């Protein structure tokens, strides 16, 4: 039986300390357990990072509950390797599936290599959002975004 969800409000924490704290709590969750995260932005890049490291281990549901306040329910679905051992970067690039493919490859030249792994080669002037590019080519947008966030983290 799942326990009462842990609640973590990371807004008072300095940004460089947030990811480590979140990863530590996620690592402590047993399958079926849930963490309720309160943040000042939608932590979508971190979700992609976790997904790339532990695919299918967590379910995420984000809601903007107030201006500059996001509540995220994260439930562990199955056990996985510790996130803390993965040495994941604390700073992640922030871009969305709505960023045009052309802007992505112009802003992040290293993205070309990731896109190539998905058999994608957009031109620098390609106006399609990543979401549409993925849909048009049958690529899973969640897997693509996860690969991009991890590869482009600095």
Protein backbone atom coordinates (compact mmCIF):
# COMPACT_ATOMS: atom_id res chain seq x y z
CA UNK A 1 0.00 0.00 0.00
CA UNK A 2 1.31 3.45 -0.92
CA UNK A 3 2.23 5.85 1.85
CA UNK A 4 1.11 9.46 2.28
CA UNK A 5 2.86 11.53 -0.40
CA UNK A 6 5.94 13.46 0.61
CA UNK A 7 5.69 17.18 -0.14
CA UNK A 8 8.71 19.24 -1.17
CA UNK A 9 8.53 22.99 -1.85
CA UNK A 10 11.80 23.83 -3.60
CA UNK A 11 11.04 27.53 -4.09
CA UNK A 12 13.01 28.60 -0.98
CA UNK A 13 16.04 26.50 -2.03
CA UNK A 14 18.83 28.04 -4.11
CA UNK A 15 18.41 26.76 -7.70
CA UNK A 16 21.74 24.85 -7.72
CA UNK A 17 20.50 22.73 -4.78
CA UNK A 18 17.04 21.91 -6.04
CA UNK A 19 17.77 19.00 -8.38
CA UNK A 20 19.91 17.11 -5.87
CA UNK A 21 17.17 17.40 -3.25
CA UNK A 22 14.48 16.26 -5.69
CA UNK A 23 16.61 13.34 -6.91
CA UNK A 24 17.28 12.22 -3.33
CA UNK A 25 13.57 12.13 -2.56
CA UNK A 26 12.72 10.37 -5.83
CA UNK A 27 15.40 7.76 -5.10
CA UNK A 28 13.72 7.10 -1.75
CA UNK A 29 10.31 6.37 -3.26
CA UNK A 30 9.10 2.78 -3.42
CA UNK A 31 6.87 1.71 -6.32
CA UNK A 32 3.44 3.26 -5.72
CA UNK A 33 4.81 6.09 -3.55
CA UNK A 34 4.34 9.72 -4.59
CA UNK A 35 6.19 13.00 -4.19
CA UNK A 36 4.30 16.28 -4.47
CA UNK A 37 6.72 18.90 -5.70
CA UNK A 38 6.01 22.65 -5.50
CA UNK A 39 8.16 24.77 -7.79
CA UNK A 40 8.24 28.27 -9.29
CA UNK A 41 8.19 26.84 -12.84
CA UNK A 42 7.16 23.68 -14.63
CA UNK A 43 10.16 21.35 -14.15
CA UNK A 44 9.67 19.76 -17.56
CA UNK A 45 13.41 19.62 -18.40
CA UNK A 46 14.04 17.73 -15.16
CA UNK A 47 11.20 15.34 -16.02
CA UNK A 48 12.83 14.66 -19.38
CA UNK A 49 16.17 14.13 -17.63
CA UNK A 50 14.64 11.60 -15.22
CA UNK A 51 12.80 9.91 -18.08
CA UNK A 52 16.05 9.54 -20.06
CA UNK A 53 17.78 8.03 -17.03
CA UNK A 54 14.91 5.90 -15.70
CA UNK A 55 12.41 5.35 -18.53
CA UNK A 56 8.99 4.19 -17.39
CA UNK A 57 9.89 4.48 -13.69
CA UNK A 58 7.88 7.62 -12.88
CA UNK A 59 4.57 9.23 -13.81
CA UNK A 60 4.48 13.05 -13.74
CA UNK A 61 1.46 15.32 -13.63
CA UNK A 62 2.11 19.09 -13.58
CA UNK A 63 -0.39 21.85 -12.88
CA UNK A 64 0.09 25.59 -12.66
CA UNK A 65 -1.66 26.32 -9.36
CA UNK A 66 -0.88 30.06 -9.13
CA UNK A 67 1.34 32.57 -10.88
CA UNK A 68 4.91 31.28 -10.51
CA UNK A 69 3.68 28.17 -8.69
CA UNK A 70 3.57 24.68 -10.13
CA UNK A 71 2.42 21.60 -8.26
CA UNK A 72 3.80 18.36 -9.67
CA UNK A 73 2.64 14.91 -8.62
CA UNK A 74 5.41 12.39 -9.24
CA UNK A 75 4.60 8.72 -8.64
CA UNK A 76 7.15 5.94 -8.78
CA UNK A 77 5.88 3.19 -11.06
CA UNK A 78 8.76 0.75 -10.71
CA UNK A 79 12.21 0.53 -9.19
CA UNK A 80 15.19 1.87 -11.09
CA UNK A 81 18.85 2.76 -10.61
CA UNK A 82 19.51 5.65 -8.21
CA UNK A 83 19.28 9.05 -9.86
CA UNK A 84 21.98 10.33 -7.51
CA UNK A 85 24.47 7.85 -8.97
CA UNK A 86 23.83 9.05 -12.52
CA UNK A 87 25.73 12.34 -11.94
CA UNK A 88 23.04 14.34 -13.67
CA UNK A 89 23.79 18.02 -14.22
CA UNK A 90 22.09 20.53 -11.95
CA UNK A 91 21.56 23.03 -14.79
CA UNK A 92 19.44 22.04 -17.75
CA UNK A 93 18.59 23.78 -20.99
CA UNK A 94 15.06 25.14 -20.97
CA UNK A 95 13.26 24.69 -24.25
CA UNK A 96 9.90 23.29 -25.13
CA UNK A 97 8.41 21.01 -27.78
CA UNK A 98 7.05 24.25 -29.29
CA UNK A 99 10.56 25.50 -30.19
CA UNK A 100 11.06 25.36 -33.94
CA UNK A 101 13.42 22.68 -35.21
CA UNK A 102 15.41 25.37 -37.02
CA UNK A 103 15.83 27.46 -33.87
CA UNK A 104 16.93 24.36 -31.95
CA UNK A 105 19.73 23.45 -34.36
CA UNK A 106 20.79 27.10 -34.65
CA UNK A 107 20.86 27.69 -30.88
CA UNK A 108 22.24 24.23 -29.97
CA UNK A 109 24.45 22.86 -32.78
CA UNK A 110 25.01 19.67 -30.73
CA UNK A 111 21.30 18.95 -31.14
CA UNK A 112 21.96 17.78 -34.70
CA UNK A 113 23.65 14.64 -33.39
CA UNK A 114 20.69 13.83 -31.15
CA UNK A 115 18.21 14.48 -33.94
CA UNK A 116 20.23 12.23 -36.25
CA UNK A 117 19.80 9.34 -33.77
CA UNK A 118 16.05 9.74 -34.40
CA UNK A 119 16.63 9.97 -38.19
CA UNK A 120 15.77 13.66 -38.19
CA UNK A 121 17.76 16.31 -40.08
CA UNK A 122 15.89 19.63 -40.02
CA UNK A 123 17.31 22.61 -41.87
CA UNK A 124 18.24 25.76 -39.90
CA UNK A 125 15.19 27.49 -41.41
CA UNK A 126 12.73 24.66 -40.58
CA UNK A 127 9.80 26.45 -38.90
CA UNK A 128 8.07 23.30 -37.58
CA UNK A 129 7.88 23.03 -33.80
CA UNK A 130 9.71 19.98 -32.44
CA UNK A 131 6.31 18.57 -31.47
CA UNK A 132 5.13 18.67 -35.09
CA UNK A 133 8.43 17.39 -36.48
CA UNK A 134 8.20 14.40 -34.15
CA UNK A 135 4.56 13.78 -34.98
CA UNK A 136 5.16 14.06 -38.74
CA UNK A 137 7.98 11.51 -38.61
CA UNK A 138 6.48 9.09 -36.07
CA UNK A 139 9.03 9.94 -33.35
CA UNK A 140 7.99 9.82 -29.68
CA UNK A 141 8.24 13.48 -28.59
CA UNK A 142 8.85 12.51 -24.96
CA UNK A 143 11.83 10.32 -25.92
CA UNK A 144 13.17 13.02 -28.24
CA UNK A 145 12.89 15.76 -25.60
CA UNK A 146 14.49 13.52 -22.97
CA UNK A 147 17.45 12.78 -25.26
CA UNK A 148 17.86 16.48 -26.13
CA UNK A 149 17.74 17.71 -22.53
CA UNK A 150 20.31 15.17 -21.35
CA UNK A 151 22.65 15.71 -24.32
CA UNK A 152 22.49 19.51 -24.19
CA UNK A 153 22.77 19.91 -20.40
CA UNK A 154 25.80 21.92 -19.49
